[in-house]
Amino acid sequence: MAVIAVMIPVLMLGVVVALGRYEEWLLPPAERSDDTEPVALSH
């Protein structure tokens, strides 16, 4: 039981890291142009 209690968080961390690493493959890239930038953020 102790081994399972240690392995589950490690596996969940691996899944989160893998999803972050391959986010570009899972989600289509958002098309963005410079004129869609909010006025408050442009310097």
C-alpha atoms as a PDB file:
ATOM      1  CA  MET A   1       0.000   0.000   0.000  1.00  0.00           C
ATOM      2  CA  ALA A   2       2.846   2.395   0.749  1.00  0.00           C
ATOM      3  CA  VAL A   3       4.283   1.812  -2.721  1.00  0.00           C
ATOM      4  CA  ILE A   4       0.934   2.678  -4.314  1.00  0.00           C
ATOM      5  CA  ALA A   5       0.654   5.815  -2.140  1.00  0.00           C
ATOM      6  CA  VAL A   6       4.042   6.966  -3.453  1.00  0.00           C
ATOM      7  CA  MET A   7       3.556   5.950  -7.080  1.00  0.00           C
ATOM      8  CA  ILE A   8       0.177   7.651  -7.675  1.00  0.00           C
ATOM      9  CA  PRO A   9       1.422  11.253  -7.107  1.00  0.00           C
ATOM     10  CA  VAL A  10       4.565  10.530  -9.136  1.00  0.00           C
ATOM     11  CA  LEU A  11       2.478   9.230 -12.041  1.00  0.00           C
ATOM     12  CA  MET A  12       0.109  12.207 -11.807  1.00  0.00           C
ATOM     13  CA  LEU A  13       3.070  14.587 -11.895  1.00  0.00           C
ATOM     14  CA  GLY A  14       4.361  12.795 -14.976  1.00  0.00           C
ATOM     15  CA  VAL A  15       0.990  13.212 -16.696  1.00  0.00           C
ATOM     16  CA  VAL A  16       0.913  16.944 -15.900  1.00  0.00           C
ATOM     17  CA  VAL A  17       4.458  17.416 -17.194  1.00  0.00           C
ATOM     18  CA  ALA A  18       3.683  15.426 -20.337  1.00  0.00           C
ATOM     19  CA  LEU A  19       0.544  17.464 -21.030  1.00  0.00           C
ATOM     20  CA  GLY A  20       2.487  20.688 -20.579  1.00  0.00           C
ATOM     21  CA  ARG A  21       5.251  19.463 -22.864  1.00  0.00           C
ATOM     22  CA  TYR A  22       2.938  18.374 -25.662  1.00  0.00           C
ATOM     23  CA  GLU A  23       0.399  21.179 -25.325  1.00  0.00           C
ATOM     24  CA  GLU A  24       1.235  22.446 -28.802  1.00  0.00           C
ATOM     25  CA  TRP A  25       0.366  19.051 -30.282  1.00  0.00           C
ATOM     26  CA  LEU A  26      -2.877  18.650 -28.310  1.00  0.00           C
ATOM     27  CA  LEU A  27      -4.279  22.133 -28.879  1.00  0.00           C
ATOM     28  CA  PRO A  28      -4.426  23.900 -32.242  1.00  0.00           C
ATOM     29  CA  PRO A  29      -2.400  27.128 -32.332  1.00  0.00           C
ATOM     30  CA  ALA A  30      -4.459  30.267 -31.895  1.00  0.00           C
ATOM     31  CA  GLU A  31      -4.183  32.619 -34.854  1.00  0.00           C
ATOM     32  CA  ARG A  32      -3.071  35.981 -33.527  1.00  0.00           C
ATOM     33  CA  SER A  33      -2.253  39.185 -35.296  1.00  0.00           C
ATOM     34  CA  ASP A  34      -0.690  42.329 -33.883  1.00  0.00           C
ATOM     35  CA  ASP A  35      -3.787  44.481 -34.398  1.00  0.00           C
ATOM     36  CA  THR A  36      -5.857  42.319 -32.007  1.00  0.00           C
ATOM     37  CA  GLU A  37      -3.696  43.354 -29.059  1.00  0.00           C
ATOM     38  CA  PRO A  38      -5.561  45.359 -26.404  1.00  0.00           C
ATOM     39  CA  VAL A  39      -4.727  49.045 -26.307  1.00  0.00           C
ATOM     40  CA  ALA A  40      -3.862  48.890 -22.596  1.00  0.00           C
ATOM     41  CA  LEU A  41      -1.038  46.408 -23.247  1.00  0.00           C
ATOM     42  CA  SER A  42       0.588  48.109 -26.229  1.00  0.00           C
ATOM     43  CA  HIS A  43       3.580  50.290 -25.349  1.00  0.00           C
END
